[in-house]
């Protein structure tokens, strides 16, 4: 089976500082690849470059038959839905003023897949998929627990029907009692939807338990 995403010789620079230095790895459908290392080692910079939220200085990111690094913003637009992030801060990744249901619906509207006839049912389906009910959709982020808010963020990512989720410390901001629930949810979603995960986490115990393969970074380079 060919990789879902194939990253080769990725280099990211901030000014004169090289923060990601020649990183290469791949992720297959249904696989979780963990990326770990100390704070400042380049994990999150690798994630933003994979997502093309920050363009790398050099290297390739092959996904869906394209090298994403060579595409213009217009050309990236139809590819982005298949490559979705889930961020560390469940509250910071959602608008505090808007209802959860509207934030889950937003990708459907932006991508031209919303209709008044089917849209609300799709939002309800996504809420159910992540273990929330329709009453949670009526609330705003501050009215949810951290775990519920992270579930809403995952539902919003799934609205785009992605193939790959880039999970950047998705449980580190949660209470220990909530972490297992989110990890179990992610495992269930992966099995049901055949998702690939790039899982960024500094907690080696979580990484070893959750990931199929583990890569370790030091000073911008892979060391395992």
N, C-alpha and C. Protein backbone atom coordinates (compact mmCIF):
# COMPACT_ATOMS: atom_id res chain seq x y z
N UNK A 1 0.85 -1.20 0.00
CA UNK A 1 0.00 0.00 0.00
C UNK A 1 0.88 1.25 0.00
N UNK A 2 0.60 2.17 -0.91
CA UNK A 2 1.39 3.40 -0.96
C UNK A 2 1.01 4.31 0.19
N UNK A 3 1.94 5.17 0.62
CA UNK A 3 1.64 6.07 1.74
C UNK A 3 0.50 7.03 1.41
N UNK A 4 -0.25 7.38 2.44
CA UNK A 4 -1.25 8.42 2.32
C UNK A 4 -0.58 9.77 2.15
N UNK A 5 0.46 10.00 2.95
CA UNK A 5 1.27 11.21 2.84
C UNK A 5 2.73 10.81 2.96
N UNK A 6 3.56 11.44 2.15
CA UNK A 6 4.99 11.11 2.11
C UNK A 6 5.79 12.41 2.18
N UNK A 7 6.47 12.61 3.29
CA UNK A 7 7.23 13.84 3.54
C UNK A 7 8.71 13.54 3.32
N UNK A 8 9.37 14.34 2.50
CA UNK A 8 10.77 14.08 2.16
C UNK A 8 11.61 15.33 2.34
N UNK A 9 12.67 15.18 3.15
CA UNK A 9 13.73 16.20 3.30
C UNK A 9 13.16 17.58 3.63
N UNK A 10 12.21 17.61 4.56
CA UNK A 10 11.53 18.86 4.91
C UNK A 10 12.46 19.78 5.70
N UNK A 11 12.53 21.03 5.28
CA UNK A 11 13.32 22.05 5.95
C UNK A 11 12.43 23.26 6.21
N UNK A 12 12.39 23.70 7.46
CA UNK A 12 11.63 24.89 7.84
C UNK A 12 12.58 25.84 8.53
N UNK A 13 12.57 27.09 8.10
CA UNK A 13 13.41 28.11 8.70
C UNK A 13 12.57 29.28 9.18
N UNK A 14 12.93 29.81 10.34
CA UNK A 14 12.38 31.07 10.84
C UNK A 14 13.53 32.07 10.82
N UNK A 15 13.53 32.94 9.83
CA UNK A 15 14.67 33.83 9.66
C UNK A 15 15.91 33.03 9.32
N UNK A 16 16.97 33.20 10.10
CA UNK A 16 18.21 32.46 9.85
C UNK A 16 18.27 31.14 10.62
N UNK A 17 17.26 30.86 11.45
CA UNK A 17 17.26 29.64 12.28
C UNK A 17 16.55 28.51 11.55
N UNK A 18 17.21 27.37 11.45
CA UNK A 18 16.60 26.18 10.87
C UNK A 18 15.96 25.37 11.99
N UNK A 19 14.63 25.27 11.99
CA UNK A 19 13.91 24.60 13.07
C UNK A 19 13.47 23.19 12.71
N UNK A 20 13.42 22.89 11.42
CA UNK A 20 13.18 21.53 10.93
C UNK A 20 14.23 21.28 9.86
N UNK A 21 15.01 20.22 10.03
CA UNK A 21 16.23 20.05 9.23
C UNK A 21 16.26 18.68 8.57
N UNK A 22 15.70 18.59 7.35
CA UNK A 22 15.79 17.36 6.57
C UNK A 22 14.94 16.21 7.08
N UNK A 23 13.74 16.50 7.53
CA UNK A 23 12.86 15.47 8.11
C UNK A 23 12.11 14.72 7.01
N UNK A 24 12.10 13.38 7.12
CA UNK A 24 11.39 12.52 6.16
C UNK A 24 10.60 11.46 6.91
N UNK A 25 9.36 11.23 6.50
CA UNK A 25 8.54 10.15 7.07
C UNK A 25 7.31 9.99 6.18
N UNK A 26 6.55 8.93 6.42
CA UNK A 26 5.27 8.76 5.72
C UNK A 26 4.22 8.25 6.70
N UNK A 27 2.97 8.37 6.29
CA UNK A 27 1.84 7.87 7.07
C UNK A 27 0.90 7.17 6.10
N UNK A 28 0.45 5.98 6.49
CA UNK A 28 -0.49 5.23 5.67
C UNK A 28 -1.91 5.32 6.22
N UNK A 29 -2.89 5.04 5.39
CA UNK A 29 -4.28 5.02 5.83
C UNK A 29 -4.44 4.00 6.96
N UNK A 30 -5.17 4.38 7.99
CA UNK A 30 -5.39 3.49 9.11
C UNK A 30 -4.22 3.38 10.07
N UNK A 31 -3.19 4.20 9.89
CA UNK A 31 -1.98 4.14 10.71
C UNK A 31 -1.82 5.42 11.52
N UNK A 32 -1.26 5.26 12.73
CA UNK A 32 -0.91 6.41 13.55
C UNK A 32 0.61 6.47 13.69
N UNK A 33 1.19 7.56 13.23
CA UNK A 33 2.62 7.80 13.37
C UNK A 33 2.80 8.89 14.42
N UNK A 34 3.52 8.56 15.49
CA UNK A 34 3.77 9.51 16.56
C UNK A 34 5.03 10.30 16.30
N UNK A 35 4.98 11.58 16.60
CA UNK A 35 6.15 12.46 16.50
C UNK A 35 6.35 13.09 17.87
N UNK A 36 7.47 12.76 18.50
CA UNK A 36 7.70 13.20 19.87
C UNK A 36 9.07 13.84 20.00
N UNK A 37 9.31 14.42 21.16
CA UNK A 37 10.58 15.09 21.42
C UNK A 37 10.36 16.23 22.38
N UNK A 38 11.42 16.83 22.89
CA UNK A 38 11.29 17.91 23.87
C UNK A 38 10.71 19.18 23.26
N UNK A 39 10.27 20.07 24.12
CA UNK A 39 9.74 21.35 23.67
C UNK A 39 10.79 22.08 22.84
N UNK A 40 10.35 22.63 21.71
CA UNK A 40 11.25 23.38 20.84
C UNK A 40 12.04 22.54 19.86
N UNK A 41 11.73 21.23 19.78
CA UNK A 41 12.52 20.36 18.90
C UNK A 41 12.09 20.44 17.44
N UNK A 42 10.92 21.05 17.16
CA UNK A 42 10.47 21.18 15.78
C UNK A 42 9.22 20.40 15.44
N UNK A 43 8.58 19.78 16.45
CA UNK A 43 7.40 18.95 16.17
C UNK A 43 6.26 19.78 15.55
N UNK A 44 5.90 20.86 16.21
CA UNK A 44 4.77 21.66 15.72
C UNK A 44 5.12 22.38 14.42
N UNK A 45 6.36 22.76 14.25
CA UNK A 45 6.78 23.38 12.99
C UNK A 45 6.67 22.38 11.85
N UNK A 46 6.98 21.11 12.13
CA UNK A 46 6.78 20.07 11.12
C UNK A 46 5.31 19.96 10.77
N UNK A 47 4.44 19.99 11.78
CA UNK A 47 3.00 19.88 11.54
C UNK A 47 2.49 21.02 10.67
N UNK A 48 2.88 22.26 10.98
CA UNK A 48 2.38 23.39 10.20
C UNK A 48 2.89 23.35 8.77
N UNK A 49 4.09 22.80 8.57
CA UNK A 49 4.62 22.67 7.20
C UNK A 49 3.89 21.57 6.44
N UNK A 50 3.58 20.45 7.11
CA UNK A 50 2.82 19.38 6.47
C UNK A 50 1.45 19.91 6.03
N UNK A 51 0.82 20.69 6.88
CA UNK A 51 -0.49 21.26 6.57
C UNK A 51 -0.42 22.43 5.60
N UNK A 52 0.79 22.88 5.29
CA UNK A 52 1.01 24.05 4.44
C UNK A 52 0.42 25.32 5.04
N UNK A 53 0.35 25.35 6.38
CA UNK A 53 -0.01 26.58 7.07
C UNK A 53 1.19 27.52 7.10
N UNK A 54 2.36 26.95 7.09
CA UNK A 54 3.60 27.70 6.86
C UNK A 54 4.39 26.94 5.81
N UNK A 55 4.76 27.63 4.75
CA UNK A 55 5.46 26.97 3.64
C UNK A 55 6.89 26.61 4.07
N UNK A 56 7.31 25.38 3.80
CA UNK A 56 8.68 25.01 4.13
C UNK A 56 9.69 25.71 3.22
N UNK A 57 10.92 25.79 3.70
CA UNK A 57 12.00 26.36 2.89
C UNK A 57 12.33 25.44 1.72
N UNK A 58 12.33 24.13 1.98
CA UNK A 58 12.58 23.15 0.93
C UNK A 58 12.02 21.80 1.37
N UNK A 59 12.05 20.84 0.45
CA UNK A 59 11.52 19.52 0.71
C UNK A 59 10.19 19.30 -0.01
N UNK A 60 9.64 18.10 0.12
CA UNK A 60 8.40 17.75 -0.55
C UNK A 60 7.39 17.17 0.45
N UNK A 61 6.13 17.44 0.18
CA UNK A 61 5.03 16.85 0.95
C UNK A 61 4.05 16.27 -0.07
N UNK A 62 4.17 14.97 -0.33
CA UNK A 62 3.35 14.32 -1.35
C UNK A 62 2.06 13.81 -0.72
N UNK A 63 0.94 14.27 -1.27
CA UNK A 63 -0.37 13.90 -0.74
C UNK A 63 -1.39 13.99 -1.87
N UNK A 64 -2.18 12.94 -2.04
CA UNK A 64 -3.23 12.96 -3.07
C UNK A 64 -2.71 13.15 -4.47
N UNK A 65 -1.52 12.64 -4.76
CA UNK A 65 -0.96 12.75 -6.10
C UNK A 65 -0.28 14.07 -6.40
N UNK A 66 -0.12 14.92 -5.38
CA UNK A 66 0.51 16.22 -5.57
C UNK A 66 1.66 16.40 -4.59
N UNK A 67 2.65 17.18 -4.99
CA UNK A 67 3.61 17.72 -4.04
C UNK A 67 3.02 19.06 -3.59
N UNK A 68 2.53 19.09 -2.35
CA UNK A 68 1.81 20.27 -1.87
C UNK A 68 2.67 21.51 -1.86
N UNK A 69 3.97 21.33 -1.72
CA UNK A 69 4.87 22.49 -1.64
C UNK A 69 4.93 23.26 -2.96
N UNK A 70 4.52 22.64 -4.06
CA UNK A 70 4.58 23.29 -5.37
C UNK A 70 3.26 23.94 -5.76
N UNK A 71 2.21 23.74 -4.96
CA UNK A 71 0.88 24.24 -5.33
C UNK A 71 0.67 25.66 -4.83
N UNK A 72 -0.04 26.42 -5.62
CA UNK A 72 -0.44 27.77 -5.20
C UNK A 72 -1.57 27.65 -4.17
N UNK A 73 -1.90 28.75 -3.52
CA UNK A 73 -3.00 28.73 -2.56
C UNK A 73 -4.31 28.33 -3.24
N UNK A 74 -4.51 28.79 -4.45
CA UNK A 74 -5.73 28.41 -5.18
C UNK A 74 -5.73 26.91 -5.47
N UNK A 75 -4.59 26.36 -5.85
CA UNK A 75 -4.52 24.94 -6.14
C UNK A 75 -4.63 24.08 -4.88
N UNK A 76 -4.21 24.64 -3.75
CA UNK A 76 -4.32 23.91 -2.48
C UNK A 76 -5.75 23.82 -1.97
N UNK A 77 -6.60 24.75 -2.39
CA UNK A 77 -7.94 24.87 -1.81
C UNK A 77 -8.73 23.56 -1.88
N UNK A 78 -8.78 22.84 -3.01
CA UNK A 78 -9.54 21.59 -3.02
C UNK A 78 -8.87 20.44 -2.29
N UNK A 79 -7.58 20.59 -1.97
CA UNK A 79 -6.84 19.52 -1.28
C UNK A 79 -6.98 19.65 0.23
N UNK A 80 -7.06 20.87 0.74
CA UNK A 80 -7.05 21.10 2.19
C UNK A 80 -8.11 20.33 2.96
N UNK A 81 -9.35 20.16 2.45
CA UNK A 81 -10.33 19.42 3.24
C UNK A 81 -9.89 18.02 3.62
N UNK A 82 -9.05 17.40 2.82
CA UNK A 82 -8.64 16.01 3.08
C UNK A 82 -7.50 15.91 4.09
N UNK A 83 -7.01 17.05 4.53
CA UNK A 83 -5.84 17.11 5.41
C UNK A 83 -6.18 18.10 6.52
N UNK A 84 -6.62 17.61 7.68
CA UNK A 84 -7.21 18.48 8.69
C UNK A 84 -6.45 18.46 10.01
N UNK A 85 -6.33 19.61 10.67
CA UNK A 85 -5.67 19.67 11.97
C UNK A 85 -6.65 19.54 13.13
N UNK A 86 -6.15 19.02 14.25
CA UNK A 86 -6.82 19.09 15.54
C UNK A 86 -5.79 19.65 16.50
N UNK A 87 -6.11 20.79 17.13
CA UNK A 87 -5.10 21.51 17.90
C UNK A 87 -5.16 21.19 19.39
N UNK A 88 -4.15 21.67 20.10
CA UNK A 88 -3.98 21.39 21.53
C UNK A 88 -5.08 22.00 22.39
N UNK A 89 -5.39 23.27 22.15
CA UNK A 89 -6.32 24.00 23.00
C UNK A 89 -7.73 23.87 22.45
N UNK A 90 -8.58 23.08 23.08
CA UNK A 90 -9.93 22.88 22.52
C UNK A 90 -10.76 24.14 22.50
N UNK A 91 -10.52 25.07 23.44
CA UNK A 91 -11.28 26.31 23.45
C UNK A 91 -10.73 27.32 22.45
N UNK A 92 -9.42 27.38 22.34
CA UNK A 92 -8.80 28.34 21.44
C UNK A 92 -9.02 28.03 19.97
N UNK A 93 -9.36 26.78 19.64
CA UNK A 93 -9.54 26.42 18.23
C UNK A 93 -10.95 26.67 17.73
N UNK A 94 -11.85 27.08 18.63
CA UNK A 94 -13.23 27.37 18.25
C UNK A 94 -13.58 28.81 18.62
N UNK A 95 -14.48 29.40 17.87
CA UNK A 95 -14.92 30.76 18.17
C UNK A 95 -15.75 30.75 19.46
N UNK A 96 -15.46 31.64 20.41
CA UNK A 96 -16.22 31.64 21.67
C UNK A 96 -17.65 32.15 21.51
N UNK A 97 -17.94 32.83 20.42
CA UNK A 97 -19.24 33.49 20.28
C UNK A 97 -20.27 32.67 19.51
N UNK A 98 -19.83 31.65 18.80
CA UNK A 98 -20.74 30.93 17.91
C UNK A 98 -21.15 29.59 18.49
N UNK A 99 -22.35 29.15 18.20
CA UNK A 99 -22.81 27.85 18.65
C UNK A 99 -22.00 26.73 17.99
N UNK A 100 -21.86 25.65 18.72
CA UNK A 100 -21.07 24.52 18.22
C UNK A 100 -21.63 24.00 16.90
N UNK A 101 -22.94 23.93 16.77
CA UNK A 101 -23.53 23.39 15.54
C UNK A 101 -23.13 24.22 14.33
N UNK A 102 -23.06 25.56 14.50
CA UNK A 102 -22.70 26.43 13.39
C UNK A 102 -21.23 26.29 13.02
N UNK A 103 -20.39 26.02 14.01
CA UNK A 103 -18.96 25.86 13.73
C UNK A 103 -18.68 24.52 13.04
N UNK A 104 -19.45 23.50 13.37
CA UNK A 104 -19.31 22.22 12.67
C UNK A 104 -19.84 22.35 11.24
N UNK A 105 -20.89 23.15 11.06
CA UNK A 105 -21.47 23.34 9.73
C UNK A 105 -20.60 24.19 8.81
N UNK A 106 -19.73 25.02 9.39
CA UNK A 106 -18.97 25.98 8.59
C UNK A 106 -18.18 25.33 7.45
N UNK A 107 -17.42 24.22 7.69
CA UNK A 107 -16.70 23.62 6.56
C UNK A 107 -17.63 23.18 5.43
N UNK A 108 -18.82 22.69 5.77
CA UNK A 108 -19.77 22.28 4.74
C UNK A 108 -20.20 23.49 3.91
N UNK A 109 -20.41 24.62 4.56
CA UNK A 109 -20.81 25.83 3.84
C UNK A 109 -19.67 26.34 2.96
N UNK A 110 -18.48 26.41 3.53
CA UNK A 110 -17.33 26.94 2.79
C UNK A 110 -17.02 26.09 1.57
N UNK A 111 -17.17 24.78 1.71
CA UNK A 111 -16.84 23.85 0.62
C UNK A 111 -18.01 23.62 -0.34
N UNK A 112 -19.11 24.34 -0.15
CA UNK A 112 -20.24 24.22 -1.04
C UNK A 112 -21.01 22.92 -0.92
N UNK A 113 -20.95 22.30 0.28
CA UNK A 113 -21.63 21.01 0.48
C UNK A 113 -22.80 21.13 1.45
N UNK A 114 -23.22 22.35 1.74
CA UNK A 114 -24.33 22.56 2.67
C UNK A 114 -25.64 22.70 1.89
N UNK A 115 -26.67 22.06 2.40
CA UNK A 115 -28.02 22.33 1.92
C UNK A 115 -28.96 22.34 3.11
N UNK A 116 -30.00 23.14 3.01
CA UNK A 116 -30.96 23.24 4.11
C UNK A 116 -31.64 21.90 4.38
N UNK A 117 -31.73 21.06 3.36
CA UNK A 117 -32.41 19.77 3.52
C UNK A 117 -31.57 18.75 4.25
N UNK A 118 -30.27 18.71 3.96
CA UNK A 118 -29.41 17.65 4.52
C UNK A 118 -28.41 18.15 5.54
N UNK A 119 -28.11 19.45 5.54
CA UNK A 119 -27.07 19.98 6.41
C UNK A 119 -27.28 19.73 7.89
N UNK A 120 -28.45 20.06 8.44
CA UNK A 120 -28.66 19.83 9.87
C UNK A 120 -28.51 18.36 10.27
N UNK A 121 -28.97 17.45 9.41
CA UNK A 121 -28.82 16.03 9.71
C UNK A 121 -27.35 15.62 9.70
N UNK A 122 -26.56 16.21 8.80
CA UNK A 122 -25.12 15.90 8.76
C UNK A 122 -24.43 16.40 10.03
N UNK A 123 -24.79 17.59 10.51
CA UNK A 123 -24.22 18.11 11.75
C UNK A 123 -24.59 17.20 12.92
N UNK A 124 -25.85 16.76 12.98
CA UNK A 124 -26.27 15.85 14.04
C UNK A 124 -25.51 14.53 13.97
N UNK A 125 -25.27 14.04 12.77
CA UNK A 125 -24.50 12.81 12.58
C UNK A 125 -23.07 12.97 13.08
N UNK A 126 -22.45 14.12 12.80
CA UNK A 126 -21.08 14.38 13.24
C UNK A 126 -21.01 14.50 14.75
N UNK A 127 -21.98 15.16 15.35
CA UNK A 127 -22.02 15.24 16.81
C UNK A 127 -22.11 13.84 17.42
N UNK A 128 -22.98 13.01 16.88
CA UNK A 128 -23.13 11.65 17.39
C UNK A 128 -21.85 10.85 17.20
N UNK A 129 -21.17 11.07 16.09
CA UNK A 129 -19.95 10.33 15.78
C UNK A 129 -18.87 10.55 16.83
N UNK A 130 -18.84 11.75 17.42
CA UNK A 130 -17.81 12.06 18.43
C UNK A 130 -18.34 11.96 19.86
N UNK A 131 -19.54 11.41 20.02
CA UNK A 131 -20.06 11.18 21.37
C UNK A 131 -20.76 12.36 22.00
N UNK A 132 -21.25 13.29 21.18
CA UNK A 132 -22.04 14.42 21.66
C UNK A 132 -23.46 14.29 21.13
N UNK A 133 -24.39 14.99 21.76
CA UNK A 133 -25.76 14.97 21.26
C UNK A 133 -26.16 16.35 20.76
N UNK A 134 -27.38 16.44 20.24
CA UNK A 134 -27.79 17.69 19.61
C UNK A 134 -27.85 18.86 20.59
N UNK A 135 -28.07 18.58 21.86
CA UNK A 135 -28.09 19.68 22.84
C UNK A 135 -26.72 20.33 22.97
N UNK A 136 -25.65 19.55 22.81
CA UNK A 136 -24.31 20.14 22.83
C UNK A 136 -24.12 21.09 21.65
N UNK A 137 -24.76 20.79 20.53
CA UNK A 137 -24.64 21.65 19.36
C UNK A 137 -25.25 23.02 19.55
N UNK A 138 -26.17 23.15 20.50
CA UNK A 138 -26.81 24.43 20.76
C UNK A 138 -25.95 25.33 21.65
N UNK A 139 -24.91 24.77 22.24
CA UNK A 139 -24.11 25.54 23.20
C UNK A 139 -22.92 26.22 22.53
N UNK A 140 -22.32 27.11 23.29
CA UNK A 140 -21.08 27.75 22.87
C UNK A 140 -19.92 27.09 23.61
N UNK A 141 -18.67 27.26 23.11
CA UNK A 141 -17.55 26.52 23.70
C UNK A 141 -17.43 26.64 25.22
N UNK A 142 -17.65 27.84 25.78
CA UNK A 142 -17.45 28.00 27.22
C UNK A 142 -18.49 27.24 28.04
N UNK A 143 -19.54 26.78 27.37
CA UNK A 143 -20.57 26.00 28.06
C UNK A 143 -20.29 24.50 28.04
N UNK A 144 -19.17 24.10 27.45
CA UNK A 144 -18.77 22.70 27.37
C UNK A 144 -17.54 22.45 28.23
N UNK A 145 -17.36 21.22 28.67
CA UNK A 145 -16.11 20.83 29.33
C UNK A 145 -14.98 20.78 28.30
N UNK A 146 -13.75 20.70 28.78
CA UNK A 146 -12.62 20.61 27.86
C UNK A 146 -12.72 19.41 26.95
N UNK A 147 -13.12 18.26 27.50
CA UNK A 147 -13.25 17.06 26.69
C UNK A 147 -14.35 17.19 25.65
N UNK A 148 -15.49 17.77 26.04
CA UNK A 148 -16.58 17.98 25.09
C UNK A 148 -16.18 18.95 23.99
N UNK A 149 -15.44 19.98 24.37
CA UNK A 149 -15.00 20.97 23.39
C UNK A 149 -14.02 20.35 22.39
N UNK A 150 -13.13 19.48 22.87
CA UNK A 150 -12.21 18.81 21.95
C UNK A 150 -12.97 17.87 21.02
N UNK A 151 -14.00 17.21 21.53
CA UNK A 151 -14.84 16.37 20.67
C UNK A 151 -15.51 17.22 19.58
N UNK A 152 -15.95 18.42 19.94
CA UNK A 152 -16.56 19.31 18.95
C UNK A 152 -15.53 19.71 17.89
N UNK A 153 -14.30 19.97 18.33
CA UNK A 153 -13.24 20.30 17.37
C UNK A 153 -12.95 19.15 16.42
N UNK A 154 -12.98 17.95 16.93
CA UNK A 154 -12.78 16.77 16.07
C UNK A 154 -13.94 16.64 15.09
N UNK A 155 -15.17 16.87 15.56
CA UNK A 155 -16.33 16.82 14.67
C UNK A 155 -16.20 17.84 13.54
N UNK A 156 -15.71 19.03 13.89
CA UNK A 156 -15.53 20.06 12.87
C UNK A 156 -14.50 19.62 11.83
N UNK A 157 -13.42 18.98 12.28
CA UNK A 157 -12.42 18.47 11.34
C UNK A 157 -13.02 17.38 10.45
N UNK A 158 -13.84 16.52 11.02
CA UNK A 158 -14.44 15.42 10.26
C UNK A 158 -15.48 15.90 9.25
N UNK A 159 -16.02 17.10 9.45
CA UNK A 159 -17.01 17.64 8.50
C UNK A 159 -16.43 17.74 7.10
N UNK A 160 -15.11 17.87 6.98
CA UNK A 160 -14.46 17.99 5.68
C UNK A 160 -14.19 16.64 5.03
N UNK A 161 -14.57 15.54 5.69
CA UNK A 161 -14.31 14.18 5.21
C UNK A 161 -12.83 13.99 4.90
N UNK A 162 -11.97 14.19 5.90
CA UNK A 162 -10.52 14.10 5.66
C UNK A 162 -10.04 12.66 5.54
N UNK A 163 -8.84 12.53 5.00
CA UNK A 163 -8.14 11.24 4.99
C UNK A 163 -7.05 11.21 6.06
N UNK A 164 -6.51 12.37 6.39
CA UNK A 164 -5.43 12.48 7.36
C UNK A 164 -5.76 13.56 8.38
N UNK A 165 -5.59 13.23 9.67
CA UNK A 165 -5.67 14.22 10.74
C UNK A 165 -4.28 14.46 11.29
N UNK A 166 -3.91 15.72 11.42
CA UNK A 166 -2.67 16.11 12.08
C UNK A 166 -3.06 16.55 13.49
N UNK A 167 -2.75 15.72 14.46
CA UNK A 167 -3.18 15.90 15.85
C UNK A 167 -2.02 16.48 16.65
N UNK A 168 -2.07 17.77 16.92
CA UNK A 168 -0.96 18.46 17.59
C UNK A 168 -1.26 18.58 19.08
N UNK A 169 -0.70 17.67 19.88
CA UNK A 169 -0.91 17.62 21.33
C UNK A 169 -2.41 17.64 21.68
N UNK A 170 -3.22 16.74 21.11
CA UNK A 170 -4.67 16.86 21.25
C UNK A 170 -5.22 16.57 22.63
N UNK A 171 -4.41 15.96 23.52
CA UNK A 171 -4.92 15.66 24.87
C UNK A 171 -4.11 16.32 25.97
N UNK A 172 -3.06 17.06 25.64
CA UNK A 172 -2.17 17.58 26.67
C UNK A 172 -2.81 18.68 27.51
N UNK A 173 -3.84 19.37 26.97
CA UNK A 173 -4.50 20.43 27.72
C UNK A 173 -5.67 19.91 28.55
N UNK A 174 -5.94 18.61 28.48
CA UNK A 174 -7.10 18.04 29.17
C UNK A 174 -6.71 17.43 30.50
N UNK A 175 -7.67 17.37 31.41
CA UNK A 175 -7.46 16.66 32.66
C UNK A 175 -7.17 15.19 32.37
N UNK A 176 -6.32 14.56 33.19
CA UNK A 176 -6.00 13.15 32.96
C UNK A 176 -7.23 12.27 32.85
N UNK A 177 -8.29 12.59 33.58
CA UNK A 177 -9.50 11.77 33.55
C UNK A 177 -10.20 11.81 32.19
N UNK A 178 -9.93 12.85 31.38
CA UNK A 178 -10.58 13.02 30.08
C UNK A 178 -9.74 12.50 28.92
N UNK A 179 -8.44 12.33 29.16
CA UNK A 179 -7.54 11.98 28.05
C UNK A 179 -7.88 10.63 27.44
N UNK A 180 -8.13 9.64 28.29
CA UNK A 180 -8.41 8.30 27.77
C UNK A 180 -9.65 8.30 26.88
N UNK A 181 -10.65 9.10 27.25
CA UNK A 181 -11.86 9.16 26.44
C UNK A 181 -11.60 9.70 25.04
N UNK A 182 -10.78 10.74 24.93
CA UNK A 182 -10.46 11.31 23.62
C UNK A 182 -9.60 10.33 22.81
N UNK A 183 -8.63 9.70 23.45
CA UNK A 183 -7.79 8.74 22.73
C UNK A 183 -8.61 7.56 22.24
N UNK A 184 -9.52 7.07 23.06
CA UNK A 184 -10.38 5.97 22.64
C UNK A 184 -11.30 6.39 21.49
N UNK A 185 -11.79 7.62 21.55
CA UNK A 185 -12.60 8.14 20.45
C UNK A 185 -11.80 8.16 19.16
N UNK A 186 -10.56 8.64 19.22
CA UNK A 186 -9.72 8.71 18.02
C UNK A 186 -9.45 7.31 17.45
N UNK A 187 -9.22 6.34 18.32
CA UNK A 187 -9.01 4.97 17.85
C UNK A 187 -10.26 4.43 17.16
N UNK A 188 -11.42 4.71 17.74
CA UNK A 188 -12.67 4.25 17.14
C UNK A 188 -12.91 4.91 15.78
N UNK A 189 -12.67 6.21 15.70
CA UNK A 189 -12.85 6.92 14.43
C UNK A 189 -11.89 6.40 13.37
N UNK A 190 -10.67 6.12 13.76
CA UNK A 190 -9.70 5.60 12.81
C UNK A 190 -10.15 4.26 12.23
N UNK A 191 -10.64 3.39 13.10
CA UNK A 191 -11.11 2.08 12.64
C UNK A 191 -12.32 2.22 11.72
N UNK A 192 -13.23 3.12 12.07
CA UNK A 192 -14.46 3.27 11.28
C UNK A 192 -14.23 3.99 9.96
N UNK A 193 -13.32 4.95 9.94
CA UNK A 193 -13.15 5.83 8.78
C UNK A 193 -11.84 5.60 8.04
N UNK A 194 -10.98 4.69 8.53
CA UNK A 194 -9.69 4.39 7.90
C UNK A 194 -8.81 5.64 7.79
N UNK A 195 -8.80 6.44 8.84
CA UNK A 195 -8.03 7.68 8.85
C UNK A 195 -6.55 7.41 9.13
N UNK A 196 -5.70 8.22 8.56
CA UNK A 196 -4.30 8.27 8.96
C UNK A 196 -4.13 9.39 9.96
N UNK A 197 -3.25 9.16 10.96
CA UNK A 197 -2.98 10.17 11.98
C UNK A 197 -1.49 10.48 12.05
N UNK A 198 -1.15 11.76 12.03
CA UNK A 198 0.16 12.22 12.49
C UNK A 198 -0.08 12.79 13.88
N UNK A 199 0.44 12.09 14.90
CA UNK A 199 0.11 12.36 16.29
C UNK A 199 1.32 12.97 16.99
N UNK A 200 1.22 14.26 17.30
CA UNK A 200 2.33 14.98 17.92
C UNK A 200 2.08 15.07 19.42
N UNK A 201 3.04 14.61 20.20
CA UNK A 201 2.85 14.54 21.64
C UNK A 201 4.20 14.42 22.33
N UNK A 202 4.35 15.09 23.47
CA UNK A 202 5.60 15.01 24.22
C UNK A 202 5.58 13.91 25.27
N UNK A 203 4.40 13.33 25.52
CA UNK A 203 4.24 12.32 26.57
C UNK A 203 4.51 10.93 25.99
N UNK A 204 5.67 10.37 26.31
CA UNK A 204 6.07 9.10 25.71
C UNK A 204 5.14 7.96 26.09
N UNK A 205 4.57 7.99 27.30
CA UNK A 205 3.65 6.92 27.70
C UNK A 205 2.42 6.91 26.79
N UNK A 206 1.89 8.10 26.49
CA UNK A 206 0.75 8.19 25.59
C UNK A 206 1.15 7.75 24.19
N UNK A 207 2.29 8.21 23.71
CA UNK A 207 2.74 7.90 22.36
C UNK A 207 2.92 6.39 22.18
N UNK A 208 3.58 5.75 23.13
CA UNK A 208 3.81 4.31 23.00
C UNK A 208 2.51 3.52 23.00
N UNK A 209 1.53 3.98 23.78
CA UNK A 209 0.25 3.28 23.86
C UNK A 209 -0.58 3.49 22.60
N UNK A 210 -0.52 4.69 22.03
CA UNK A 210 -1.47 5.09 21.01
C UNK A 210 -0.97 4.87 19.58
N UNK A 211 0.34 4.89 19.37
CA UNK A 211 0.88 4.97 18.01
C UNK A 211 1.38 3.62 17.48
N UNK A 212 1.27 3.46 16.16
CA UNK A 212 1.81 2.27 15.50
C UNK A 212 3.32 2.39 15.29
N UNK A 213 3.77 3.59 14.97
CA UNK A 213 5.20 3.87 14.84
C UNK A 213 5.50 5.17 15.56
N UNK A 214 6.72 5.29 16.08
CA UNK A 214 7.10 6.48 16.84
C UNK A 214 8.39 7.05 16.25
N UNK A 215 8.37 8.35 15.97
CA UNK A 215 9.55 9.08 15.51
C UNK A 215 9.91 10.11 16.56
N UNK A 216 11.19 10.26 16.84
CA UNK A 216 11.63 11.20 17.86
C UNK A 216 12.49 12.29 17.22
N UNK A 217 12.24 13.54 17.63
CA UNK A 217 12.98 14.68 17.10
C UNK A 217 13.86 15.29 18.18
N UNK A 218 15.02 15.78 17.76
CA UNK A 218 15.92 16.57 18.60
C UNK A 218 16.52 17.67 17.72
N UNK A 219 16.37 18.90 18.17
CA UNK A 219 16.97 20.04 17.47
C UNK A 219 16.66 20.05 15.98
N UNK A 220 15.41 19.76 15.66
CA UNK A 220 14.94 19.85 14.28
C UNK A 220 15.17 18.64 13.43
N UNK A 221 15.82 17.61 13.98
CA UNK A 221 16.11 16.40 13.20
C UNK A 221 15.48 15.16 13.81
N UNK A 222 15.16 14.21 12.95
CA UNK A 222 14.72 12.92 13.45
C UNK A 222 15.93 12.14 13.95
N UNK A 223 15.78 11.57 15.15
CA UNK A 223 16.87 10.77 15.71
C UNK A 223 16.50 9.30 15.82
N UNK A 224 15.24 8.93 15.58
CA UNK A 224 14.80 7.53 15.50
C UNK A 224 13.80 7.39 14.37
